Amino acid sequence: MKVMVISPHPDDETLGAGGTLLKLKSEGHQIYWLNITNMKPEYGYKPERIAERNAEIQKVKEAYGFDGFYNLELEPAGVDKIDLGKFIPMLKEVFEEVKPELLLLPYQHDVHSDHRVIFEAAYSCTKSFRAPYLKTVLAMEILSETDQAMQESGFVPNVFVDVTDYIDKKIEIMNTYESEITAPPFPRNAEAIKGLAAYRGATAYYNYAEAFYLIKSRLD
């Protein structure tokens, strides 16, 4: 099976589906990473910070053993400035090259505008008559974004993946993004990641789990 995760920013792939990606890779599935935004000089980032981020991405790619990596390098916190008529074809080109059977997306009601726009654009690429290879679409739970959604559109997961054997590796990979990790009560750190995984695991009778919302599934 081919699996593709779409991350609005580097680290979202790990926060939302790190354990699941590691598990699927260990089971022999092919995993692909499509990242949407990145630091560039024209976005106001300094060369040394750009170099640090690109080094982090390289380490993360190697840690997962991705079978393919794509980086659109759009402006962080600026995806909503792009016309969907131009953005969707960028995504579609990657879809057609990878032909994923399982797609992992940011949740449509995440508080960050990048996440919401990316969901809308990516979901438009999942029409069955346009992407017959795609069988399942899941929305991820991303700490500090999904949990901040308005209550009426809150995340209510209905798919749980046992990541007990992979939670420590997930945290190890997340620690690669040094600038994104801050001590509690900040939400992106080992304690918070493991705490959420324990809570989701208890819901599904696992020690640790990652939770998803099923958007669509086609059973042949």
C-alpha atoms as a PDB file:
ATOM      1  CA  MET A   1       0.000   0.000   0.000  1.00  0.00           C
ATOM      2  CA  LYS A   2       1.143   3.531  -0.768  1.00  0.00           C
ATOM      3  CA  VAL A   3       0.611   6.038   2.031  1.00  0.00           C
ATOM      4  CA  MET A   4       1.003   9.801   1.686  1.00  0.00           C
ATOM      5  CA  VAL A   5       0.996  12.303   4.529  1.00  0.00           C
ATOM      6  CA  ILE A   6       0.495  16.003   3.795  1.00  0.00           C
ATOM      7  CA  SER A   7       2.057  18.354   6.333  1.00  0.00           C
ATOM      8  CA  PRO A   8       1.301  22.081   6.285  1.00  0.00           C
ATOM      9  CA  HIS A   9       4.641  22.641   8.050  1.00  0.00           C
ATOM     10  CA  PRO A  10       7.575  20.374   8.877  1.00  0.00           C
ATOM     11  CA  ASP A  11       6.695  18.652  12.186  1.00  0.00           C
ATOM     12  CA  ASP A  12       2.969  18.266  11.460  1.00  0.00           C
ATOM     13  CA  GLU A  13       3.648  14.884   9.840  1.00  0.00           C
ATOM     14  CA  THR A  14       5.243  13.682  13.073  1.00  0.00           C
ATOM     15  CA  LEU A  15       2.789  15.243  15.510  1.00  0.00           C
ATOM     16  CA  GLY A  16      -0.191  13.916  13.575  1.00  0.00           C
ATOM     17  CA  ALA A  17       0.939  10.545  12.273  1.00  0.00           C
ATOM     18  CA  GLY A  18       4.509   9.796  13.305  1.00  0.00           C
ATOM     19  CA  GLY A  19       3.753   6.500  15.000  1.00  0.00           C
ATOM     20  CA  THR A  20       1.413   5.387  12.238  1.00  0.00           C
ATOM     21  CA  LEU A  21       3.993   6.146   9.549  1.00  0.00           C
ATOM     22  CA  LEU A  22       6.670   4.209  11.429  1.00  0.00           C
ATOM     23  CA  LYS A  23       4.319   1.277  11.909  1.00  0.00           C
ATOM     24  CA  LEU A  24       3.222   1.160   8.276  1.00  0.00           C
ATOM     25  CA  LYS A  25       6.823   1.400   7.085  1.00  0.00           C
ATOM     26  CA  SER A  26       7.818  -1.495   9.345  1.00  0.00           C
ATOM     27  CA  GLU A  27       5.002  -3.553   7.838  1.00  0.00           C
ATOM     28  CA  GLY A  28       6.404  -3.075   4.349  1.00  0.00           C
ATOM     29  CA  HIS A  29       4.157  -0.293   3.081  1.00  0.00           C
ATOM     30  CA  GLN A  30       5.523   2.612   1.056  1.00  0.00           C
ATOM     31  CA  ILE A  31       5.325   6.005   2.760  1.00  0.00           C
ATOM     32  CA  TYR A  32       5.500   9.409   1.069  1.00  0.00           C
ATOM     33  CA  TRP A  33       5.712  12.898   2.531  1.00  0.00           C
ATOM     34  CA  LEU A  34       4.294  15.997   0.855  1.00  0.00           C
ATOM     35  CA  ASN A  35       5.267  19.121   2.789  1.00  0.00           C
ATOM     36  CA  ILE A  36       3.600  22.378   1.809  1.00  0.00           C
ATOM     37  CA  THR A  37       5.517  25.274   3.411  1.00  0.00           C
ATOM     38  CA  ASN A  38       9.139  25.973   4.197  1.00  0.00           C
ATOM     39  CA  MET A  39      11.500  28.789   5.145  1.00  0.00           C
ATOM     40  CA  LYS A  40      12.996  30.831   2.288  1.00  0.00           C
ATOM     41  CA  PRO A  41      14.854  34.183   2.105  1.00  0.00           C
ATOM     42  CA  GLU A  42      11.963  35.870   0.312  1.00  0.00           C
ATOM     43  CA  TYR A  43       9.721  35.006   3.261  1.00  0.00           C
ATOM     44  CA  GLY A  44      12.015  36.898   5.633  1.00  0.00           C
ATOM     45  CA  TYR A  45      13.989  34.011   7.100  1.00  0.00           C
ATOM     46  CA  LYS A  46      17.719  34.249   7.755  1.00  0.00           C
ATOM     47  CA  PRO A  47      20.102  31.890   5.908  1.00  0.00           C
ATOM     48  CA  GLU A  48      21.243  30.169   9.095  1.00  0.00           C
ATOM     49  CA  ARG A  49      17.660  29.428  10.152  1.00  0.00           C
ATOM     50  CA  ILE A  50      16.856  28.096   6.689  1.00  0.00           C
ATOM     51  CA  ALA A  51      19.905  25.829   6.833  1.00  0.00           C
ATOM     52  CA  GLU A  52      18.852  24.547  10.253  1.00  0.00           C
ATOM     53  CA  ARG A  53      15.338  23.763   9.072  1.00  0.00           C
ATOM     54  CA  ASN A  54      16.521  21.998   5.921  1.00  0.00           C
ATOM     55  CA  ALA A  55      18.919  19.916   8.014  1.00  0.00           C
ATOM     56  CA  GLU A  56      16.033  18.986  10.318  1.00  0.00           C
ATOM     57  CA  ILE A  57      13.916  17.922   7.358  1.00  0.00           C
ATOM     58  CA  GLN A  58      16.736  15.758   6.015  1.00  0.00           C
ATOM     59  CA  LYS A  59      17.161  14.020   9.374  1.00  0.00           C
ATOM     60  CA  VAL A  60      13.429  13.401   9.636  1.00  0.00           C
ATOM     61  CA  LYS A  61      13.273  11.989   6.109  1.00  0.00           C
ATOM     62  CA  GLU A  62      16.046   9.552   6.953  1.00  0.00           C
ATOM     63  CA  ALA A  63      14.516   8.583  10.299  1.00  0.00           C
ATOM     64  CA  TYR A  64      11.254   7.497   8.698  1.00  0.00           C
ATOM     65  CA  GLY A  65      12.808   6.062   5.561  1.00  0.00           C
ATOM     66  CA  PHE A  66      10.337   7.819   3.283  1.00  0.00           C
ATOM     67  CA  ASP A  67      10.030   6.350  -0.190  1.00  0.00           C
ATOM     68  CA  GLY A  68       9.467   9.815  -1.611  1.00  0.00           C
ATOM     69  CA  PHE A  69       9.522  13.431  -0.447  1.00  0.00           C
ATOM     70  CA  TYR A  70       7.949  16.504  -2.044  1.00  0.00           C
ATOM     71  CA  ASN A  71       8.282  20.069  -0.788  1.00  0.00           C
ATOM     72  CA  LEU A  72       6.211  22.861  -2.340  1.00  0.00           C
ATOM     73  CA  GLU A  73       8.023  25.452  -0.168  1.00  0.00           C
ATOM     74  CA  LEU A  74       5.112  27.873   0.033  1.00  0.00           C
ATOM     75  CA  GLU A  75       5.135  30.698   2.557  1.00  0.00           C
ATOM     76  CA  PRO A  76       4.436  29.632   6.158  1.00  0.00           C
ATOM     77  CA  ALA A  77       1.225  31.239   7.426  1.00  0.00           C
ATOM     78  CA  GLY A  78       0.628  32.453   3.886  1.00  0.00           C
ATOM     79  CA  VAL A  79      -1.044  29.556   2.111  1.00  0.00           C
ATOM     80  CA  ASP A  80      -4.342  31.439   2.147  1.00  0.00           C
ATOM     81  CA  LYS A  81      -2.769  34.037  -0.172  1.00  0.00           C
ATOM     82  CA  ILE A  82      -2.494  31.508  -2.991  1.00  0.00           C
ATOM     83  CA  ASP A  83      -5.291  31.107  -5.487  1.00  0.00           C
ATOM     84  CA  LEU A  84      -6.797  27.628  -5.151  1.00  0.00           C
ATOM     85  CA  GLY A  85      -6.867  27.420  -8.931  1.00  0.00           C
ATOM     86  CA  LYS A  86      -3.067  27.457  -8.849  1.00  0.00           C
ATOM     87  CA  PHE A  87      -2.579  25.518  -5.624  1.00  0.00           C
ATOM     88  CA  ILE A  88      -4.736  22.503  -6.458  1.00  0.00           C
ATOM     89  CA  PRO A  89      -2.777  21.609  -9.633  1.00  0.00           C
ATOM     90  CA  MET A  90       0.440  21.620  -7.567  1.00  0.00           C
ATOM     91  CA  LEU A  91      -1.084  19.018  -5.289  1.00  0.00           C
ATOM     92  CA  LYS A  92      -2.651  17.069  -8.112  1.00  0.00           C
ATOM     93  CA  GLU A  93       0.724  16.668  -9.804  1.00  0.00           C
ATOM     94  CA  VAL A  94       2.088  14.934  -6.704  1.00  0.00           C
ATOM     95  CA  PHE A  95      -1.067  12.835  -6.320  1.00  0.00           C
ATOM     96  CA  GLU A  96      -0.709  11.557  -9.865  1.00  0.00           C
ATOM     97  CA  GLU A  97       2.955  10.714  -9.376  1.00  0.00           C
ATOM     98  CA  VAL A  98       2.530   8.896  -6.060  1.00  0.00           C
ATOM     99  CA  LYS A  99      -0.995   7.500  -6.504  1.00  0.00           C
ATOM    100  CA  PRO A 100      -1.551   7.027  -2.752  1.00  0.00           C
ATOM    101  CA  GLU A 101      -4.058   4.503  -1.485  1.00  0.00           C
ATOM    102  CA  LEU A 102      -4.120   6.006   2.015  1.00  0.00           C
ATOM    103  CA  LEU A 103      -4.018   9.784   2.450  1.00  0.00           C
ATOM    104  CA  LEU A 104      -3.353  11.550   5.760  1.00  0.00           C
ATOM    105  CA  LEU A 105      -4.473  15.193   5.888  1.00  0.00           C
ATOM    106  CA  PRO A 106      -4.614  18.017   8.431  1.00  0.00           C
ATOM    107  CA  TYR A 107      -8.042  18.350  10.025  1.00  0.00           C
ATOM    108  CA  GLN A 108     -10.404  20.670   8.177  1.00  0.00           C
ATOM    109  CA  HIS A 109     -11.179  22.768  11.268  1.00  0.00           C
ATOM    110  CA  ASP A 110      -7.645  23.197  12.660  1.00  0.00           C
ATOM    111  CA  VAL A 111      -7.111  26.668  14.088  1.00  0.00           C
ATOM    112  CA  HIS A 112      -4.193  27.465  11.723  1.00  0.00           C
ATOM    113  CA  SER A 113      -5.374  28.895   8.400  1.00  0.00           C
ATOM    114  CA  ASP A 114      -2.662  26.991   6.497  1.00  0.00           C
ATOM    115  CA  HIS A 115      -4.132  23.707   7.724  1.00  0.00           C
ATOM    116  CA  ARG A 116      -7.666  24.616   6.687  1.00  0.00           C
ATOM    117  CA  VAL A 117      -6.727  25.799   3.199  1.00  0.00           C
ATOM    118  CA  ILE A 118      -4.532  22.760   2.607  1.00  0.00           C
ATOM    119  CA  PHE A 119      -7.336  20.426   3.635  1.00  0.00           C
ATOM    120  CA  GLU A 120      -9.732  22.128   1.238  1.00  0.00           C
ATOM    121  CA  ALA A 121      -7.296  21.983  -1.669  1.00  0.00           C
ATOM    122  CA  ALA A 122      -6.151  18.423  -1.000  1.00  0.00           C
ATOM    123  CA  TYR A 123      -9.669  17.122  -0.492  1.00  0.00           C
ATOM    124  CA  SER A 124     -10.633  18.448  -3.905  1.00  0.00           C
ATOM    125  CA  CYS A 125      -8.015  16.055  -5.319  1.00  0.00           C
ATOM    126  CA  THR A 126      -9.695  12.997  -3.797  1.00  0.00           C
ATOM    127  CA  LYS A 127     -12.707  12.650  -6.088  1.00  0.00           C
ATOM    128  CA  SER A 128     -13.025   8.955  -6.859  1.00  0.00           C
ATOM    129  CA  PHE A 129     -13.406   9.480 -10.599  1.00  0.00           C
ATOM    130  CA  ARG A 130     -10.205  11.571 -10.601  1.00  0.00           C
ATOM    131  CA  ALA A 131      -8.201   9.477  -8.139  1.00  0.00           C
ATOM    132  CA  PRO A 132      -9.539   5.896  -8.339  1.00  0.00           C
ATOM    133  CA  TYR A 133      -6.357   4.623  -6.705  1.00  0.00           C
ATOM    134  CA  LEU A 134      -7.248   6.390  -3.435  1.00  0.00           C
ATOM    135  CA  LYS A 135      -9.065   4.141  -0.970  1.00  0.00           C
ATOM    136  CA  THR A 136      -9.006   5.933   2.383  1.00  0.00           C
ATOM    137  CA  VAL A 137      -8.682   9.531   3.567  1.00  0.00           C
ATOM    138  CA  LEU A 138      -7.974  10.251   7.231  1.00  0.00           C
ATOM    139  CA  ALA A 139      -7.660  13.578   9.036  1.00  0.00           C
ATOM    140  CA  MET A 140      -4.888  13.805  11.626  1.00  0.00           C
ATOM    141  CA  GLU A 141      -4.921  15.156  15.157  1.00  0.00           C
ATOM    142  CA  ILE A 142      -2.087  17.703  15.401  1.00  0.00           C
ATOM    143  CA  LEU A 143      -1.211  19.010  18.858  1.00  0.00           C
ATOM    144  CA  SER A 144      -1.596  22.797  19.266  1.00  0.00           C
ATOM    145  CA  GLU A 145      -3.755  23.042  16.129  1.00  0.00           C
ATOM    146  CA  THR A 146      -6.535  20.427  16.154  1.00  0.00           C
ATOM    147  CA  ASP A 147      -7.207  20.785  19.870  1.00  0.00           C
ATOM    148  CA  GLN A 148      -7.662  24.550  19.473  1.00  0.00           C
ATOM    149  CA  ALA A 149     -10.590  24.241  17.041  1.00  0.00           C
ATOM    150  CA  MET A 150     -13.964  25.745  17.939  1.00  0.00           C
ATOM    151  CA  GLN A 151     -16.012  23.336  20.024  1.00  0.00           C
ATOM    152  CA  GLU A 152     -18.828  22.971  17.486  1.00  0.00           C
ATOM    153  CA  SER A 153     -16.304  21.734  14.925  1.00  0.00           C
ATOM    154  CA  GLY A 154     -14.122  19.844  17.375  1.00  0.00           C
ATOM    155  CA  PHE A 155     -12.149  16.729  16.511  1.00  0.00           C
ATOM    156  CA  VAL A 156     -14.071  13.519  17.307  1.00  0.00           C
ATOM    157  CA  PRO A 157     -11.845  10.628  16.205  1.00  0.00           C
ATOM    158  CA  ASN A 158     -13.250   7.361  14.923  1.00  0.00           C
ATOM    159  CA  VAL A 159     -10.048   5.598  13.811  1.00  0.00           C
ATOM    160  CA  PHE A 160      -7.308   4.601  16.243  1.00  0.00           C
ATOM    161  CA  VAL A 161      -3.890   3.144  15.430  1.00  0.00           C
ATOM    162  CA  ASP A 162      -1.907   1.242  18.050  1.00  0.00           C
ATOM    163  CA  VAL A 163       1.490   2.963  18.179  1.00  0.00           C
ATOM    164  CA  THR A 164       2.688   1.483  21.462  1.00  0.00           C
ATOM    165  CA  ASP A 165       5.843   0.097  19.855  1.00  0.00           C
ATOM    166  CA  TYR A 166       6.580   3.383  18.070  1.00  0.00           C
ATOM    167  CA  ILE A 167       5.736   6.180  20.504  1.00  0.00           C
ATOM    168  CA  ASP A 168       9.298   6.572  21.763  1.00  0.00           C
ATOM    169  CA  LYS A 169      10.675   6.722  18.211  1.00  0.00           C
ATOM    170  CA  LYS A 170       8.012   9.289  17.310  1.00  0.00           C
ATOM    171  CA  ILE A 171       9.131  11.496  20.190  1.00  0.00           C
ATOM    172  CA  GLU A 172      12.773  11.023  19.232  1.00  0.00           C
ATOM    173  CA  ILE A 173      11.997  12.201  15.695  1.00  0.00           C
ATOM    174  CA  MET A 174       9.925  15.133  16.954  1.00  0.00           C
ATOM    175  CA  ASN A 175      12.879  16.254  19.055  1.00  0.00           C
ATOM    176  CA  THR A 176      14.748  16.795  15.781  1.00  0.00           C
ATOM    177  CA  TYR A 177      12.700  19.975  15.401  1.00  0.00           C
ATOM    178  CA  GLU A 178      14.500  21.672  18.273  1.00  0.00           C
ATOM    179  CA  SER A 179      12.906  25.094  17.774  1.00  0.00           C
ATOM    180  CA  GLU A 180       9.408  23.585  17.986  1.00  0.00           C
ATOM    181  CA  ILE A 181       9.950  21.888  21.351  1.00  0.00           C
ATOM    182  CA  THR A 182       9.265  23.804  24.557  1.00  0.00           C
ATOM    183  CA  ALA A 183       8.789  22.577  28.119  1.00  0.00           C
ATOM    184  CA  PRO A 184       5.293  22.099  29.591  1.00  0.00           C
ATOM    185  CA  PRO A 185       2.771  23.598  29.720  1.00  0.00           C
ATOM    186  CA  PHE A 186       3.601  24.297  26.052  1.00  0.00           C
ATOM    187  CA  PRO A 187       1.820  21.616  23.973  1.00  0.00           C
ATOM    188  CA  ARG A 188       4.704  20.395  21.802  1.00  0.00           C
ATOM    189  CA  ASN A 189       7.000  18.274  23.941  1.00  0.00           C
ATOM    190  CA  ALA A 190       7.528  14.646  24.918  1.00  0.00           C
ATOM    191  CA  GLU A 191       5.158  14.819  27.895  1.00  0.00           C
ATOM    192  CA  ALA A 192       2.273  16.251  25.884  1.00  0.00           C
ATOM    193  CA  ILE A 193       2.783  13.898  22.936  1.00  0.00           C
ATOM    194  CA  LYS A 194       2.917  10.837  25.162  1.00  0.00           C
ATOM    195  CA  GLY A 195       0.000  12.064  27.258  1.00  0.00           C
ATOM    196  CA  LEU A 196      -2.258  12.479  24.238  1.00  0.00           C
ATOM    197  CA  ALA A 197      -1.205   9.070  22.902  1.00  0.00           C
ATOM    198  CA  ALA A 198      -2.004   7.476  26.265  1.00  0.00           C
ATOM    199  CA  TYR A 199      -5.428   9.137  26.340  1.00  0.00           C
ATOM    200  CA  ARG A 200      -6.258   8.058  22.794  1.00  0.00           C
ATOM    201  CA  GLY A 201      -4.905   4.610  23.573  1.00  0.00           C
ATOM    202  CA  ALA A 202      -7.202   4.260  26.571  1.00  0.00           C
ATOM    203  CA  THR A 203     -10.147   5.071  24.316  1.00  0.00           C
ATOM    204  CA  ALA A 204      -9.278   2.163  22.018  1.00  0.00           C
ATOM    205  CA  TYR A 205      -7.786  -0.238  24.616  1.00  0.00           C
ATOM    206  CA  TYR A 206      -4.181   0.288  23.564  1.00  0.00           C
ATOM    207  CA  ASN A 207      -1.294   1.571  25.644  1.00  0.00           C
ATOM    208  CA  TYR A 208      -0.613   4.350  23.139  1.00  0.00           C
ATOM    209  CA  ALA A 209      -2.544   5.312  20.021  1.00  0.00           C
ATOM    210  CA  GLU A 210      -2.811   7.963  17.348  1.00  0.00           C
ATOM    211  CA  ALA A 211      -6.307   9.121  16.510  1.00  0.00           C
ATOM    212  CA  PHE A 212      -7.785  10.068  13.152  1.00  0.00           C
ATOM    213  CA  TYR A 213     -11.110  11.141  11.699  1.00  0.00           C
ATOM    214  CA  LEU A 214     -12.304   9.049   8.775  1.00  0.00           C
ATOM    215  CA  ILE A 215     -13.161  11.346   5.868  1.00  0.00           C
ATOM    216  CA  LYS A 216     -13.894   8.657   3.300  1.00  0.00           C
ATOM    217  CA  SER A 217     -13.205   5.007   2.596  1.00  0.00           C
ATOM    218  CA  ARG A 218     -13.794   2.834  -0.471  1.00  0.00           C
ATOM    219  CA  LEU A 219     -13.956  -0.926   0.041  1.00  0.00           C
ATOM    220  CA  ASP A 220     -13.424  -2.962  -3.120  1.00  0.00           C
END
